[in-house]
Amino acid sequence: MDDAHLARDFVGYGPMTPDPKWPNGARLALNLVINYEEGSEASFPDGDGVSESALTEGGAGGFAGRDLAAESMYEYGSRVGIWRVVRLLEARRMTATVFGCAVALERNPQFARAIPKLGFDVCCHGLRWERVQNLSETEERDHIARAIASIEATTGTAPSGWYCRYGPSLNTRRLLVEHGGFLYDSDAYNDELPYWTRVGGKPHLVVPYSLATNDVKFARGGMSTGQQFAEYLCDSFDMLYREGATAPKMMSVGLHLRLVGHPGRAAGLERFLDHVARHKDVWVCNRADIARHWRATFPPPEA
């Protein structure tokens, strides 16, 4: 098995990062990521024998039975949170990428159908919100194929990229290349620019993601107010924007509807979006846009 792509790289681009030549000379490529997961998490109704309570307000928890509180908190994201975030983006004519779990999109066809109309692209977040490390290679291959077919049916277009919930398995990237059709995957957190790797002798593009500029910090005790979220995002943006005068990078902002979709947190997102809008030379773009630009500007190197 060719697993050279699994080798760790502690050097990357080094001190002299390449000029990404973002469109119109932008200093920064900003990608807003909507993690659409509600309805794909582990639950008793889906036969999992456990209620997922991660990235919620906490709920009751601490017992072996079905957690109706946690289930209801997930529902908030798809019933209310998604439309609040959509309104904020539409008002500022900003686009986003949907990290969509296939089963979640099946359960909200109204939003699934709206995705292409909104100008969003889709990066597949798996068949369900699951640990692919617990799947056999055969199971994971099957889940990838089913997820792609599902998203194509619900949104009208195939996903352009892939991102696992808990990180990939040792087989994921190889299976993605084997299946074909993906512009990139985002199962990496190790850079602020895309980069090429080789899988089974074939070039494969990685567009790294971030858990730093991400609203998961609300659920993990790192933040408690929308103002804190806005401040952290604005500080990150400002640093990258200053650096972008000579070394442009990309910035990913991760959003979860059952978290940032609540009013007090959405207010922080709103402040950040308005902060971005006050700056010129910023490319607010889809993740697929970044991947296509990189492929055109920096074709895969020879083996």
Protein backbone atom coordinates (compact mmCIF):
# COMPACT_ATOMS: atom_id res chain seq x y z
CA MET A 1 0.00 0.00 0.00
CA ASP A 2 1.29 3.49 -0.96
CA ASP A 3 1.16 5.50 2.27
CA ALA A 4 3.87 8.08 1.52
CA HIS A 5 1.20 10.80 1.73
CA LEU A 6 0.76 9.93 5.42
CA ALA A 7 4.32 10.97 6.25
CA ARG A 8 4.49 14.06 8.48
CA ASP A 9 6.01 17.25 7.06
CA PHE A 10 7.40 19.75 9.56
CA VAL A 11 8.84 22.12 6.93
CA GLY A 12 6.07 22.94 4.46
CA TYR A 13 6.70 26.09 2.42
CA GLY A 14 9.22 27.42 4.93
CA PRO A 15 9.86 31.15 5.50
CA MET A 16 9.26 32.15 1.87
CA THR A 17 5.67 31.20 1.08
CA PRO A 18 4.59 31.33 -2.55
CA ASP A 19 2.53 34.26 -3.77
CA PRO A 20 -0.89 32.68 -4.35
CA LYS A 21 -1.78 35.41 -6.86
CA TRP A 22 -5.33 35.63 -5.57
CA PRO A 23 -7.78 37.22 -8.05
CA ASN A 24 -7.54 41.01 -8.42
CA GLY A 25 -4.45 41.08 -6.25
CA ALA A 26 -6.35 40.26 -3.05
CA ARG A 27 -4.36 40.26 0.16
CA LEU A 28 -6.45 37.49 1.66
CA ALA A 29 -8.74 34.69 0.52
CA LEU A 30 -11.53 34.32 3.09
CA ASN A 31 -13.68 31.21 3.14
CA LEU A 32 -16.68 31.00 5.46
CA VAL A 33 -17.60 27.39 6.24
CA ILE A 34 -21.10 26.34 7.28
CA ASN A 35 -20.85 22.95 8.99
CA TYR A 36 -24.25 21.46 8.21
CA GLU A 37 -24.53 18.40 10.49
CA GLU A 38 -27.91 18.53 12.24
CA GLY A 39 -29.76 15.26 11.80
CA SER A 40 -26.67 13.23 10.94
CA GLU A 41 -25.37 12.87 14.50
CA ALA A 42 -25.66 9.67 16.54
CA SER A 43 -29.17 9.24 17.91
CA PHE A 44 -31.59 6.64 19.22
CA PRO A 45 -34.06 7.19 16.35
CA ASP A 46 -31.29 6.22 13.93
CA GLY A 47 -30.53 3.06 15.88
CA ASP A 48 -27.19 4.16 17.38
CA GLY A 49 -28.16 3.45 20.98
CA VAL A 50 -26.60 6.74 22.08
CA SER A 51 -27.46 10.44 21.89
CA GLU A 52 -24.77 12.76 20.54
CA SER A 53 -24.40 15.84 22.72
CA ALA A 54 -21.13 17.30 21.38
CA LEU A 55 -21.12 20.95 20.37
CA THR A 56 -24.41 21.77 22.06
CA GLU A 57 -25.37 23.85 25.10
CA GLY A 58 -24.66 20.86 27.33
CA GLY A 59 -28.12 19.46 27.90
CA ALA A 60 -28.89 16.99 30.67
CA GLY A 61 -26.42 14.27 29.68
CA GLY A 62 -24.86 11.86 32.13
CA PHE A 63 -27.32 9.04 31.57
CA ALA A 64 -27.58 6.05 29.27
CA GLY A 65 -30.98 6.76 27.70
CA ARG A 66 -32.18 8.91 24.88
CA ASP A 67 -31.28 12.60 25.39
CA LEU A 68 -34.27 14.56 24.08
CA ALA A 69 -32.70 17.85 25.13
CA ALA A 70 -29.61 17.27 22.98
CA GLU A 71 -31.77 16.21 20.04
CA SER A 72 -33.76 19.42 20.33
CA MET A 73 -30.60 21.53 20.43
CA TYR A 74 -29.46 19.97 17.17
CA GLU A 75 -32.83 20.72 15.60
CA TYR A 76 -32.37 24.40 16.43
CA GLY A 77 -29.46 24.57 14.02
CA SER A 78 -31.43 23.37 11.01
CA ARG A 79 -34.75 25.01 11.97
CA VAL A 80 -33.47 28.46 12.97
CA GLY A 81 -29.70 28.86 12.95
CA ILE A 82 -29.10 28.15 9.28
CA TRP A 83 -31.54 30.79 8.11
CA ARG A 84 -30.09 33.46 10.43
CA VAL A 85 -26.60 32.83 9.07
CA VAL A 86 -27.92 32.81 5.49
CA ARG A 87 -29.60 36.19 6.07
CA LEU A 88 -26.36 37.68 7.41
CA LEU A 89 -24.44 36.48 4.37
CA GLU A 90 -27.09 37.48 1.84
CA ALA A 91 -27.31 40.99 3.28
CA ARG A 92 -23.58 41.43 2.62
CA ARG A 93 -23.54 39.50 -0.66
CA MET A 94 -21.00 37.08 0.76
CA THR A 95 -20.67 33.45 -0.22
CA ALA A 96 -19.80 30.37 1.82
CA THR A 97 -18.93 26.70 1.59
CA VAL A 98 -21.25 24.11 3.11
CA PHE A 99 -19.46 21.25 4.86
CA GLY A 100 -22.53 19.07 4.42
CA CYS A 101 -23.24 15.68 5.98
CA ALA A 102 -25.28 13.79 3.42
CA VAL A 103 -27.95 12.51 5.81
CA ALA A 104 -28.36 15.98 7.34
CA LEU A 105 -29.05 17.51 3.93
CA GLU A 106 -31.53 14.73 3.16
CA ARG A 107 -33.50 15.79 6.24
CA ASN A 108 -33.76 19.44 5.23
CA PRO A 109 -34.47 19.41 1.50
CA GLN A 110 -35.52 23.07 1.63
CA PHE A 111 -31.98 24.12 2.55
CA ALA A 112 -30.35 21.52 0.30
CA ARG A 113 -32.20 22.92 -2.72
CA ALA A 114 -31.31 26.48 -1.69
CA ILE A 115 -27.54 25.86 -1.67
CA PRO A 116 -26.87 26.34 -5.41
CA LYS A 117 -29.31 29.28 -5.56
CA LEU A 118 -27.36 30.98 -2.77
CA GLY A 119 -24.13 30.48 -4.69
CA PHE A 120 -22.65 28.23 -2.01
CA ASP A 121 -20.57 25.18 -2.86
CA VAL A 122 -20.56 21.84 -1.02
CA CYS A 123 -17.68 19.97 0.56
CA CYS A 124 -18.88 16.55 1.72
CA HIS A 125 -18.68 16.16 5.51
CA GLY A 126 -19.34 12.44 5.30
CA LEU A 127 -22.41 10.28 5.02
CA ARG A 128 -23.11 10.99 8.68
CA TRP A 129 -21.28 12.76 11.50
CA GLU A 130 -19.14 9.73 12.31
CA ARG A 131 -15.68 8.48 13.16
CA VAL A 132 -14.41 7.01 9.92
CA GLN A 133 -11.48 5.50 11.85
CA ASN A 134 -13.96 2.94 13.18
CA LEU A 135 -14.98 1.85 9.68
CA SER A 136 -13.36 -0.91 7.68
CA GLU A 137 -11.87 0.08 4.34
CA THR A 138 -14.83 -1.53 2.57
CA GLU A 139 -17.32 0.31 4.77
CA GLU A 140 -15.60 3.65 4.29
CA ARG A 141 -15.47 3.20 0.51
CA ASP A 142 -19.21 2.46 0.54
CA HIS A 143 -19.97 5.49 2.75
CA ILE A 144 -18.02 7.79 0.42
CA ALA A 145 -19.95 6.58 -2.62
CA ARG A 146 -23.31 6.82 -0.85
CA ALA A 147 -22.56 10.30 0.48
CA ILE A 148 -21.64 11.64 -2.94
CA ALA A 149 -24.75 10.17 -4.56
CA SER A 150 -26.94 11.55 -1.78
CA ILE A 151 -25.59 15.11 -1.98
CA GLU A 152 -25.85 15.11 -5.74
CA ALA A 153 -29.51 14.09 -5.41
CA THR A 154 -30.43 16.64 -2.70
CA THR A 155 -28.51 19.68 -3.99
CA GLY A 156 -28.34 18.94 -7.70
CA THR A 157 -24.54 18.92 -7.79
CA ALA A 158 -21.76 16.63 -6.61
CA PRO A 159 -19.54 17.84 -3.75
CA SER A 160 -16.24 19.34 -4.87
CA GLY A 161 -14.26 18.40 -1.75
CA TRP A 162 -14.20 16.20 1.35
CA TYR A 163 -13.79 16.79 5.09
CA CYS A 164 -14.14 14.20 7.88
CA ARG A 165 -15.63 14.97 11.27
CA TYR A 166 -12.83 13.62 13.48
CA GLY A 167 -10.08 13.64 10.91
CA PRO A 168 -9.47 11.01 8.25
CA SER A 169 -8.67 7.36 8.62
CA LEU A 170 -5.46 5.93 7.20
CA ASN A 171 -7.50 5.02 4.11
CA THR A 172 -9.58 8.16 3.51
CA ARG A 173 -7.37 10.16 1.16
CA ARG A 174 -6.50 7.10 -0.91
CA LEU A 175 -10.18 6.20 -1.21
CA LEU A 176 -11.05 9.74 -2.31
CA VAL A 177 -8.43 9.61 -5.05
CA GLU A 178 -9.63 6.14 -6.00
CA HIS A 179 -13.21 7.37 -6.33
CA GLY A 180 -12.17 10.44 -8.31
CA GLY A 181 -14.06 13.65 -8.98
CA PHE A 182 -12.78 15.64 -5.98
CA LEU A 183 -10.93 18.92 -6.46
CA TYR A 184 -9.44 18.69 -2.96
CA ASP A 185 -9.83 17.51 0.59
CA SER A 186 -9.60 19.65 3.73
CA ASP A 187 -8.52 17.01 6.24
CA ALA A 188 -5.49 19.01 7.37
CA TYR A 189 -4.82 21.90 9.73
CA ASN A 190 -1.14 22.40 9.00
CA ASP A 191 -0.97 25.43 6.70
CA GLU A 192 -2.58 28.68 5.55
CA LEU A 193 -2.16 27.88 1.87
CA PRO A 194 -3.18 24.89 -0.24
CA TYR A 195 -0.52 22.35 -1.14
CA TRP A 196 -0.06 19.29 -3.32
CA THR A 197 0.59 15.77 -2.16
CA ARG A 198 0.76 12.49 -4.07
CA VAL A 199 -1.48 9.52 -3.40
CA GLY A 200 -0.93 6.28 -5.27
CA GLY A 201 1.29 8.13 -7.71
CA LYS A 202 -1.40 10.72 -8.48
CA PRO A 203 -1.32 14.42 -7.49
CA HIS A 204 -3.90 15.42 -4.90
CA LEU A 205 -4.67 18.91 -3.61
CA VAL A 206 -5.13 19.69 0.09
CA VAL A 207 -6.90 22.90 1.13
CA PRO A 208 -6.29 23.09 4.90
CA TYR A 209 -9.04 23.95 7.37
CA SER A 210 -8.85 25.51 10.85
CA LEU A 211 -10.25 24.73 14.28
CA ALA A 212 -8.75 27.96 15.63
CA THR A 213 -10.97 30.47 13.81
CA ASN A 214 -13.98 28.31 14.57
CA ASP A 215 -17.07 28.64 16.74
CA VAL A 216 -16.40 25.24 18.36
CA LYS A 217 -14.72 27.32 21.06
CA PHE A 218 -18.17 28.28 22.34
CA ALA A 219 -18.85 24.63 23.22
CA ARG A 220 -15.38 23.93 24.58
CA GLY A 221 -15.16 26.79 27.04
CA GLY A 222 -12.83 29.00 25.02
CA MET A 223 -15.44 31.68 24.37
CA SER A 224 -18.73 32.69 25.91
CA THR A 225 -19.84 35.87 24.11
CA GLY A 226 -20.34 37.00 20.55
CA GLN A 227 -17.97 39.89 21.22
CA GLN A 228 -15.16 37.48 22.10
CA PHE A 229 -15.80 35.58 18.88
CA ALA A 230 -15.78 38.79 16.83
CA GLU A 231 -12.64 40.05 18.50
CA TYR A 232 -10.73 36.83 17.87
CA LEU A 233 -11.84 36.61 14.24
CA CYS A 234 -11.05 40.28 13.62
CA ASP A 235 -7.60 39.95 15.19
CA SER A 236 -6.88 36.90 13.01
CA PHE A 237 -8.15 38.70 9.93
CA ASP A 238 -6.15 41.85 10.66
CA MET A 239 -2.90 39.94 11.11
CA LEU A 240 -3.39 38.04 7.87
CA TYR A 241 -4.45 41.21 6.06
CA ARG A 242 -1.29 43.03 7.14
CA GLU A 243 0.88 40.09 6.14
CA GLY A 244 -1.01 39.92 2.87
CA ALA A 245 0.74 43.05 1.62
CA THR A 246 3.75 40.83 0.90
CA ALA A 247 2.65 37.24 1.64
CA PRO A 248 -1.07 36.64 0.99
CA LYS A 249 -2.71 33.66 2.72
CA MET A 250 -6.15 32.11 3.17
CA MET A 251 -8.43 32.19 6.22
CA SER A 252 -11.12 29.63 7.02
CA VAL A 253 -13.90 30.47 9.49
CA GLY A 254 -15.84 27.46 10.80
CA LEU A 255 -19.51 27.93 11.73
CA HIS A 256 -22.00 25.51 13.33
CA LEU A 257 -25.66 26.47 13.16
CA ARG A 258 -26.62 25.15 16.60
CA LEU A 259 -23.84 27.33 18.06
CA VAL A 260 -23.31 30.56 16.14
CA GLY A 261 -26.92 30.51 14.93
CA HIS A 262 -28.11 31.78 18.33
CA PRO A 263 -28.70 35.56 18.41
CA GLY A 264 -26.00 36.55 20.92
CA ARG A 265 -23.35 34.61 19.01
CA ALA A 266 -24.62 35.57 15.57
CA ALA A 267 -24.12 39.20 16.62
CA GLY A 268 -20.40 38.44 16.88
CA LEU A 269 -20.38 36.90 13.42
CA GLU A 270 -22.22 39.97 12.15
CA ARG A 271 -19.53 42.28 13.58
CA PHE A 272 -16.83 40.24 11.92
CA LEU A 273 -18.56 40.24 8.52
CA ASP A 274 -18.98 44.02 8.71
CA HIS A 275 -15.31 44.35 9.63
CA VAL A 276 -14.36 42.33 6.55
CA ALA A 277 -16.65 44.43 4.36
CA ARG A 278 -14.78 47.59 5.34
CA HIS A 279 -11.58 46.27 3.77
CA LYS A 280 -10.72 46.21 0.10
CA ASP A 281 -8.55 43.58 -1.56
CA VAL A 282 -10.26 40.66 0.20
CA TRP A 283 -11.47 37.69 -1.82
CA VAL A 284 -14.51 36.22 -0.03
CA CYS A 285 -14.82 32.97 -1.90
CA ASN A 286 -15.95 29.37 -2.03
CA ARG A 287 -13.56 26.59 -1.17
CA ALA A 288 -13.92 25.19 -4.67
CA ASP A 289 -12.86 28.62 -6.00
CA ILE A 290 -9.63 28.37 -4.00
CA ALA A 291 -8.98 24.84 -5.25
CA ARG A 292 -9.60 25.76 -8.89
CA HIS A 293 -7.44 28.86 -8.60
CA TRP A 294 -4.58 26.89 -7.07
CA ARG A 295 -4.80 24.18 -9.70
CA ALA A 296 -4.68 26.79 -12.47
CA THR A 297 -1.93 28.90 -10.90
CA PHE A 298 0.18 26.10 -9.44
CA PRO A 299 -0.33 22.93 -11.49
CA PRO A 300 0.72 19.72 -9.72
CA PRO A 301 4.48 19.23 -9.77
CA GLU A 302 6.03 16.32 -11.60
CA ALA A 303 6.55 13.14 -9.59
